[in-house]
Amino acid sequence: MGYGISVMAIRLPLCMLIGICSRVLTGSDVKYVMHASLTGYTCTNNQVLFDVTSLRSAVSCAAKCTETTTCYGVFHRRQDMRCIGCMEEFIVSTETPMLNGTRYYRRQTYKIIDTKLSWNESKQRCGDIGGHLAYIKSQEEQLFIEAYITHDIRKTLWLGGRNSGNTGEFFWQDGDPVSDGFTNWRDGHPLTICSSEQCMILFYVNQEWVWQDMPCGPSGVNRYGLCEFD
């Protein structure tokens, strides 16, 4: 299937009486983004956190998800007020159940640190606010970031991957090899001839967002950091 993403933000708290709210509300800063490309699906049985039929609006459904940190996103079906909370990131596969009429809303889990820092400084700054430099392990995640997070194409963003300077292999900071999953390297990268430690950036070139390896600093160029919150 195609992975084009259409997005719509929902802010909480919510107008619970009729389920209709203004797009910008004071209070909680939790946001949910609708993925039009995932309409008609639902999460697999082993990922279902809750499944209720009493929530009329998508904002009410998203509010229930916000009650727990283990809820990653929700499927809502308006005609029967059904709300299904998913425990993990939603990835479409051949085993993914389909359910006519659902719409998927994913919790926004990223923040750009709007100060140019070295890779290590950005890593520390993300940690200070409860997150880590972002890992991009699926095409859906790459497209989500492109569609909703990276508004300014002039910004170059640190990601949470680097090499050891010994083998040239890149690893995400959770220990997973970058090469084991989805990759989006710029042509000709990473540079295998570099012996110094290199870190990963996300930047816009030739009308697309790609990954590239760059010196981590402090001698390298400072950049903005892309934080992710689990």
C-alpha atoms as a PDB file:
ATOM      1  CA  MET A   1       0.000   0.000   0.000  1.00  0.00           C
ATOM      2  CA  GLY A   2       1.053   3.629  -0.357  1.00  0.00           C
ATOM      3  CA  TYR A   3       2.325   5.576   2.625  1.00  0.00           C
ATOM      4  CA  GLY A   4       1.211   9.120   1.828  1.00  0.00           C
ATOM      5  CA  ILE A   5       0.233  10.873   5.042  1.00  0.00           C
ATOM      6  CA  SER A   6      -2.478  13.458   5.627  1.00  0.00           C
ATOM      7  CA  VAL A   7      -2.308  15.069   9.046  1.00  0.00           C
ATOM      8  CA  MET A   8      -4.701  16.852  11.370  1.00  0.00           C
ATOM      9  CA  ALA A   9      -3.729  17.977  14.866  1.00  0.00           C
ATOM     10  CA  ILE A  10      -5.950  17.580  17.934  1.00  0.00           C
ATOM     11  CA  ARG A  11      -5.015  19.469  21.108  1.00  0.00           C
ATOM     12  CA  LEU A  12      -6.089  18.524  24.611  1.00  0.00           C
ATOM     13  CA  PRO A  13      -7.854  19.292  26.949  1.00  0.00           C
ATOM     14  CA  LEU A  14     -11.068  18.722  25.067  1.00  0.00           C
ATOM     15  CA  CYS A  15     -14.593  20.039  24.729  1.00  0.00           C
ATOM     16  CA  MET A  16     -16.259  16.913  26.055  1.00  0.00           C
ATOM     17  CA  LEU A  17     -19.933  17.930  25.863  1.00  0.00           C
ATOM     18  CA  ILE A  18     -20.295  17.932  22.093  1.00  0.00           C
ATOM     19  CA  GLY A  19     -16.859  16.782  20.957  1.00  0.00           C
ATOM     20  CA  ILE A  20     -16.111  19.930  18.944  1.00  0.00           C
ATOM     21  CA  CYS A  21     -13.106  22.056  19.891  1.00  0.00           C
ATOM     22  CA  SER A  22     -11.017  24.866  18.561  1.00  0.00           C
ATOM     23  CA  ARG A  23      -7.651  23.711  17.157  1.00  0.00           C
ATOM     24  CA  VAL A  24      -5.686  25.716  19.723  1.00  0.00           C
ATOM     25  CA  LEU A  25      -6.631  25.321  23.384  1.00  0.00           C
ATOM     26  CA  THR A  26      -4.870  26.270  26.585  1.00  0.00           C
ATOM     27  CA  GLY A  27      -3.828  23.578  29.012  1.00  0.00           C
ATOM     28  CA  SER A  28      -2.231  20.230  28.150  1.00  0.00           C
ATOM     29  CA  ASP A  29       0.140  20.274  25.179  1.00  0.00           C
ATOM     30  CA  VAL A  30      -0.558  16.690  24.056  1.00  0.00           C
ATOM     31  CA  LYS A  31      -1.300  16.487  20.325  1.00  0.00           C
ATOM     32  CA  TYR A  32      -2.619  13.748  18.079  1.00  0.00           C
ATOM     33  CA  VAL A  33      -2.204  13.597  14.322  1.00  0.00           C
ATOM     34  CA  MET A  34      -4.604  11.836  11.970  1.00  0.00           C
ATOM     35  CA  HIS A  35      -3.087   9.505   9.358  1.00  0.00           C
ATOM     36  CA  ALA A  36      -5.559   9.389   6.458  1.00  0.00           C
ATOM     37  CA  SER A  37      -3.550   6.585   4.813  1.00  0.00           C
ATOM     38  CA  LEU A  38      -4.363   4.257   7.742  1.00  0.00           C
ATOM     39  CA  THR A  39      -8.144   4.682   7.490  1.00  0.00           C
ATOM     40  CA  GLY A  40      -9.932   1.334   7.722  1.00  0.00           C
ATOM     41  CA  TYR A  41      -7.367  -0.505   9.867  1.00  0.00           C
ATOM     42  CA  THR A  42      -7.086  -1.319  13.548  1.00  0.00           C
ATOM     43  CA  CYS A  43      -4.268  -2.483  15.823  1.00  0.00           C
ATOM     44  CA  THR A  44      -3.395  -6.159  16.168  1.00  0.00           C
ATOM     45  CA  ASN A  45      -4.831  -8.091  19.144  1.00  0.00           C
ATOM     46  CA  ASN A  46      -1.548  -8.182  21.057  1.00  0.00           C
ATOM     47  CA  GLN A  47      -1.319  -4.376  20.880  1.00  0.00           C
ATOM     48  CA  VAL A  48      -4.850  -3.501  22.035  1.00  0.00           C
ATOM     49  CA  LEU A  49      -4.767  -1.475  25.265  1.00  0.00           C
ATOM     50  CA  PHE A  50      -8.500  -0.777  25.399  1.00  0.00           C
ATOM     51  CA  ASP A  51     -11.546  -1.250  23.167  1.00  0.00           C
ATOM     52  CA  VAL A  52     -14.652   0.710  24.177  1.00  0.00           C
ATOM     53  CA  THR A  53     -17.887   1.733  22.429  1.00  0.00           C
ATOM     54  CA  SER A  54     -18.884   4.813  24.398  1.00  0.00           C
ATOM     55  CA  LEU A  55     -16.779   7.642  22.959  1.00  0.00           C
ATOM     56  CA  ARG A  56     -18.625   9.657  20.357  1.00  0.00           C
ATOM     57  CA  SER A  57     -15.825  11.911  19.127  1.00  0.00           C
ATOM     58  CA  ALA A  58     -12.204  11.460  18.080  1.00  0.00           C
ATOM     59  CA  VAL A  59     -11.122  14.035  20.660  1.00  0.00           C
ATOM     60  CA  SER A  60     -12.771  11.999  23.442  1.00  0.00           C
ATOM     61  CA  CYS A  61     -11.023   8.908  22.142  1.00  0.00           C
ATOM     62  CA  ALA A  62      -7.673  10.722  22.107  1.00  0.00           C
ATOM     63  CA  ALA A  63      -8.318  11.961  25.650  1.00  0.00           C
ATOM     64  CA  LYS A  64      -8.652   8.368  26.849  1.00  0.00           C
ATOM     65  CA  CYS A  65      -5.318   7.534  25.224  1.00  0.00           C
ATOM     66  CA  THR A  66      -3.705  10.433  27.064  1.00  0.00           C
ATOM     67  CA  GLU A  67      -4.663   8.885  30.413  1.00  0.00           C
ATOM     68  CA  THR A  68      -1.769   6.413  30.106  1.00  0.00           C
ATOM     69  CA  THR A  69       1.782   6.736  28.806  1.00  0.00           C
ATOM     70  CA  THR A  70       1.617   3.255  27.245  1.00  0.00           C
ATOM     71  CA  CYS A  71      -1.015   4.354  24.700  1.00  0.00           C
ATOM     72  CA  TYR A  72       0.720   5.245  21.427  1.00  0.00           C
ATOM     73  CA  GLY A  73      -2.342   6.045  19.300  1.00  0.00           C
ATOM     74  CA  VAL A  74      -6.018   5.293  18.741  1.00  0.00           C
ATOM     75  CA  PHE A  75      -8.421   4.072  16.071  1.00  0.00           C
ATOM     76  CA  HIS A  76     -11.833   5.753  16.267  1.00  0.00           C
ATOM     77  CA  ARG A  77     -15.011   4.747  14.425  1.00  0.00           C
ATOM     78  CA  ARG A  78     -17.695   7.381  14.767  1.00  0.00           C
ATOM     79  CA  GLN A  79     -20.760   5.360  13.692  1.00  0.00           C
ATOM     80  CA  ASP A  80     -20.606   3.025  16.704  1.00  0.00           C
ATOM     81  CA  MET A  81     -18.512   5.308  19.003  1.00  0.00           C
ATOM     82  CA  ARG A  82     -15.773   2.670  19.041  1.00  0.00           C
ATOM     83  CA  CYS A  83     -12.345   3.670  20.349  1.00  0.00           C
ATOM     84  CA  ILE A  84      -9.390   1.260  20.222  1.00  0.00           C
ATOM     85  CA  GLY A  85      -6.135   2.204  21.927  1.00  0.00           C
ATOM     86  CA  CYS A  86      -2.846   0.763  20.641  1.00  0.00           C
ATOM     87  CA  MET A  87       0.128   0.081  22.910  1.00  0.00           C
ATOM     88  CA  GLU A  88       2.851   0.359  20.287  1.00  0.00           C
ATOM     89  CA  GLU A  89       3.729   2.262  17.138  1.00  0.00           C
ATOM     90  CA  PHE A  90       1.311   1.238  14.403  1.00  0.00           C
ATOM     91  CA  ILE A  91       2.998  -0.440  11.445  1.00  0.00           C
ATOM     92  CA  VAL A  92       0.962  -1.809   8.525  1.00  0.00           C
ATOM     93  CA  SER A  93       1.717  -5.430   7.655  1.00  0.00           C
ATOM     94  CA  THR A  94      -0.050  -8.256   5.841  1.00  0.00           C
ATOM     95  CA  GLU A  95      -1.484  -9.398   9.205  1.00  0.00           C
ATOM     96  CA  THR A  96      -2.922  -5.997  10.137  1.00  0.00           C
ATOM     97  CA  PRO A  97      -6.682  -6.315  10.812  1.00  0.00           C
ATOM     98  CA  MET A  98      -9.026  -4.110   8.800  1.00  0.00           C
ATOM     99  CA  LEU A  99     -12.111  -2.413  10.255  1.00  0.00           C
ATOM    100  CA  ASN A 100     -14.249  -0.280   7.948  1.00  0.00           C
ATOM    101  CA  GLY A 101     -14.735   3.320   8.991  1.00  0.00           C
ATOM    102  CA  THR A 102     -11.867   3.748  11.440  1.00  0.00           C
ATOM    103  CA  ARG A 103      -9.480   6.683  11.527  1.00  0.00           C
ATOM    104  CA  TYR A 104      -6.078   6.494  13.175  1.00  0.00           C
ATOM    105  CA  TYR A 105      -4.710   9.231  15.451  1.00  0.00           C
ATOM    106  CA  ARG A 106      -1.115   8.983  16.606  1.00  0.00           C
ATOM    107  CA  ARG A 107       0.308  10.746  19.651  1.00  0.00           C
ATOM    108  CA  GLN A 108       2.877  13.351  18.617  1.00  0.00           C
ATOM    109  CA  THR A 109       6.159  12.225  20.149  1.00  0.00           C
ATOM    110  CA  TYR A 110       8.766  14.621  18.764  1.00  0.00           C
ATOM    111  CA  LYS A 111      10.195  18.027  19.585  1.00  0.00           C
ATOM    112  CA  ILE A 112      12.856  20.098  17.835  1.00  0.00           C
ATOM    113  CA  ILE A 113      15.409  21.678  20.163  1.00  0.00           C
ATOM    114  CA  ASP A 114      15.519  25.175  18.746  1.00  0.00           C
ATOM    115  CA  THR A 115      19.125  25.865  19.727  1.00  0.00           C
ATOM    116  CA  LYS A 116      22.128  24.835  17.640  1.00  0.00           C
ATOM    117  CA  LEU A 117      24.284  22.433  19.658  1.00  0.00           C
ATOM    118  CA  SER A 118      26.831  19.675  19.136  1.00  0.00           C
ATOM    119  CA  TRP A 119      25.535  16.098  18.900  1.00  0.00           C
ATOM    120  CA  ASN A 120      26.505  15.308  22.512  1.00  0.00           C
ATOM    121  CA  GLU A 121      24.933  18.535  23.763  1.00  0.00           C
ATOM    122  CA  SER A 122      21.739  17.796  21.836  1.00  0.00           C
ATOM    123  CA  LYS A 123      21.672  14.275  23.255  1.00  0.00           C
ATOM    124  CA  GLN A 124      21.986  15.728  26.771  1.00  0.00           C
ATOM    125  CA  ARG A 125      19.302  18.365  26.131  1.00  0.00           C
ATOM    126  CA  CYS A 126      16.839  15.711  24.919  1.00  0.00           C
ATOM    127  CA  GLY A 127      17.614  13.609  27.989  1.00  0.00           C
ATOM    128  CA  ASP A 128      17.045  16.595  30.276  1.00  0.00           C
ATOM    129  CA  ILE A 129      13.437  16.886  29.038  1.00  0.00           C
ATOM    130  CA  GLY A 130      12.707  13.165  29.217  1.00  0.00           C
ATOM    131  CA  GLY A 131      13.496  12.031  25.681  1.00  0.00           C
ATOM    132  CA  HIS A 132      16.359  11.008  23.404  1.00  0.00           C
ATOM    133  CA  LEU A 133      17.625  11.946  19.958  1.00  0.00           C
ATOM    134  CA  ALA A 134      15.201  10.441  17.452  1.00  0.00           C
ATOM    135  CA  TYR A 135      15.482   6.975  15.927  1.00  0.00           C
ATOM    136  CA  ILE A 136      13.851   6.494  12.507  1.00  0.00           C
ATOM    137  CA  LYS A 137      13.256   2.777  12.016  1.00  0.00           C
ATOM    138  CA  SER A 138      10.369   2.708   9.533  1.00  0.00           C
ATOM    139  CA  GLN A 139       9.215   4.482   6.407  1.00  0.00           C
ATOM    140  CA  GLU A 140       6.025   5.504   8.206  1.00  0.00           C
ATOM    141  CA  GLU A 141       8.055   7.234  10.901  1.00  0.00           C
ATOM    142  CA  GLN A 142      10.198   9.019   8.289  1.00  0.00           C
ATOM    143  CA  LEU A 143       7.070  10.241   6.492  1.00  0.00           C
ATOM    144  CA  PHE A 144       5.415  11.273   9.754  1.00  0.00           C
ATOM    145  CA  ILE A 145       8.397  13.461  10.649  1.00  0.00           C
ATOM    146  CA  GLU A 146       8.529  14.959   7.160  1.00  0.00           C
ATOM    147  CA  ALA A 147       4.813  15.749   7.146  1.00  0.00           C
ATOM    148  CA  TYR A 148       4.341  17.126  10.623  1.00  0.00           C
ATOM    149  CA  ILE A 149       7.619  17.896  12.405  1.00  0.00           C
ATOM    150  CA  THR A 150      10.061  19.369   9.882  1.00  0.00           C
ATOM    151  CA  HIS A 151       8.350  22.615   8.892  1.00  0.00           C
ATOM    152  CA  ASP A 152      11.569  24.551   8.143  1.00  0.00           C
ATOM    153  CA  ILE A 153      13.578  23.017   5.293  1.00  0.00           C
ATOM    154  CA  ARG A 154      16.552  25.231   6.240  1.00  0.00           C
ATOM    155  CA  LYS A 155      17.062  23.322   9.490  1.00  0.00           C
ATOM    156  CA  THR A 156      19.477  20.418   9.743  1.00  0.00           C
ATOM    157  CA  LEU A 157      18.612  18.051  12.609  1.00  0.00           C
ATOM    158  CA  TRP A 158      20.717  15.667  14.680  1.00  0.00           C
ATOM    159  CA  LEU A 159      19.362  12.101  14.846  1.00  0.00           C
ATOM    160  CA  GLY A 160      20.156   9.488  17.490  1.00  0.00           C
ATOM    161  CA  GLY A 161      22.643   7.448  15.459  1.00  0.00           C
ATOM    162  CA  ARG A 162      26.438   7.450  15.296  1.00  0.00           C
ATOM    163  CA  ASN A 163      29.345   5.190  14.428  1.00  0.00           C
ATOM    164  CA  SER A 164      32.119   4.052  16.714  1.00  0.00           C
ATOM    165  CA  GLY A 165      34.942   5.321  14.554  1.00  0.00           C
ATOM    166  CA  ASN A 166      36.305   1.765  14.393  1.00  0.00           C
ATOM    167  CA  THR A 167      34.130  -0.304  12.054  1.00  0.00           C
ATOM    168  CA  GLY A 168      32.246   2.539  10.376  1.00  0.00           C
ATOM    169  CA  GLU A 169      28.932   0.848  11.225  1.00  0.00           C
ATOM    170  CA  PHE A 170      26.183   3.108  12.546  1.00  0.00           C
ATOM    171  CA  PHE A 171      24.084   2.278  15.585  1.00  0.00           C
ATOM    172  CA  TRP A 172      21.021   3.905  17.101  1.00  0.00           C
ATOM    173  CA  GLN A 173      21.570   4.871  20.718  1.00  0.00           C
ATOM    174  CA  ASP A 174      19.411   1.938  21.890  1.00  0.00           C
ATOM    175  CA  GLY A 175      22.060  -0.377  20.419  1.00  0.00           C
ATOM    176  CA  ASP A 176      20.246  -1.446  17.233  1.00  0.00           C
ATOM    177  CA  PRO A 177      22.345  -1.353  14.046  1.00  0.00           C
ATOM    178  CA  VAL A 178      20.967   1.266  11.667  1.00  0.00           C
ATOM    179  CA  SER A 179      21.501  -1.106   8.740  1.00  0.00           C
ATOM    180  CA  ASP A 180      19.150  -3.722  10.265  1.00  0.00           C
ATOM    181  CA  GLY A 181      16.019  -1.759   9.410  1.00  0.00           C
ATOM    182  CA  PHE A 182      14.663   1.017   7.211  1.00  0.00           C
ATOM    183  CA  THR A 183      17.336   3.434   5.963  1.00  0.00           C
ATOM    184  CA  ASN A 184      17.164   6.716   4.112  1.00  0.00           C
ATOM    185  CA  TRP A 185      20.801   7.626   3.444  1.00  0.00           C
ATOM    186  CA  ARG A 186      21.728  10.262   0.906  1.00  0.00           C
ATOM    187  CA  ASP A 187      23.421   8.753  -2.154  1.00  0.00           C
ATOM    188  CA  GLY A 188      27.073   8.056  -1.376  1.00  0.00           C
ATOM    189  CA  HIS A 189      26.579   7.977   2.403  1.00  0.00           C
ATOM    190  CA  PRO A 190      27.579   6.990   4.957  1.00  0.00           C
ATOM    191  CA  LEU A 191      31.216   7.583   4.092  1.00  0.00           C
ATOM    192  CA  THR A 192      32.998   4.348   4.931  1.00  0.00           C
ATOM    193  CA  ILE A 193      36.455   5.903   4.590  1.00  0.00           C
ATOM    194  CA  CYS A 194      36.024   8.143   7.665  1.00  0.00           C
ATOM    195  CA  SER A 195      37.913   6.896  10.712  1.00  0.00           C
ATOM    196  CA  SER A 196      36.678   9.631  13.071  1.00  0.00           C
ATOM    197  CA  GLU A 197      33.408   9.413  14.952  1.00  0.00           C
ATOM    198  CA  GLN A 198      30.509  10.456  12.768  1.00  0.00           C
ATOM    199  CA  CYS A 199      26.918  11.261  13.746  1.00  0.00           C
ATOM    200  CA  MET A 200      23.687  11.260  11.767  1.00  0.00           C
ATOM    201  CA  ILE A 201      21.758  14.257  10.539  1.00  0.00           C
ATOM    202  CA  LEU A 202      18.396  14.662   8.823  1.00  0.00           C
ATOM    203  CA  PHE A 203      18.399  17.420   6.230  1.00  0.00           C
ATOM    204  CA  TYR A 204      16.597  18.640   3.130  1.00  0.00           C
ATOM    205  CA  VAL A 205      18.367  18.412  -0.229  1.00  0.00           C
ATOM    206  CA  ASN A 206      17.096  18.039  -3.797  1.00  0.00           C
ATOM    207  CA  GLN A 207      13.485  18.314  -2.558  1.00  0.00           C
ATOM    208  CA  GLU A 208      13.653  15.422  -0.090  1.00  0.00           C
ATOM    209  CA  TRP A 209      14.627  14.705   3.518  1.00  0.00           C
ATOM    210  CA  VAL A 210      17.599  12.329   3.732  1.00  0.00           C
ATOM    211  CA  TRP A 211      20.183  11.115   6.245  1.00  0.00           C
ATOM    212  CA  GLN A 212      23.860  11.965   6.118  1.00  0.00           C
ATOM    213  CA  ASP A 213      26.882  11.395   8.334  1.00  0.00           C
ATOM    214  CA  MET A 214      28.672  14.419   9.762  1.00  0.00           C
ATOM    215  CA  PRO A 215      31.375  15.048  12.417  1.00  0.00           C
ATOM    216  CA  CYS A 216      29.779  14.926  15.861  1.00  0.00           C
ATOM    217  CA  GLY A 217      31.594  17.974  17.208  1.00  0.00           C
ATOM    218  CA  PRO A 218      32.616  19.937  19.120  1.00  0.00           C
ATOM    219  CA  SER A 219      34.823  20.800  16.153  1.00  0.00           C
ATOM    220  CA  GLY A 220      31.937  20.086  13.776  1.00  0.00           C
ATOM    221  CA  VAL A 221      29.071  22.422  12.927  1.00  0.00           C
ATOM    222  CA  ASN A 222      26.392  22.790  15.613  1.00  0.00           C
ATOM    223  CA  ARG A 223      22.863  21.824  14.561  1.00  0.00           C
ATOM    224  CA  TYR A 224      19.317  21.566  15.898  1.00  0.00           C
ATOM    225  CA  GLY A 225      18.321  18.364  17.685  1.00  0.00           C
ATOM    226  CA  LEU A 226      15.258  16.199  16.988  1.00  0.00           C
ATOM    227  CA  CYS A 227      14.060  14.699  20.276  1.00  0.00           C
ATOM    228  CA  GLU A 228      11.763  11.700  20.559  1.00  0.00           C
ATOM    229  CA  PHE A 229       9.676  10.715  23.598  1.00  0.00           C
ATOM    230  CA  ASP A 230       8.738   7.064  24.167  1.00  0.00           C
END
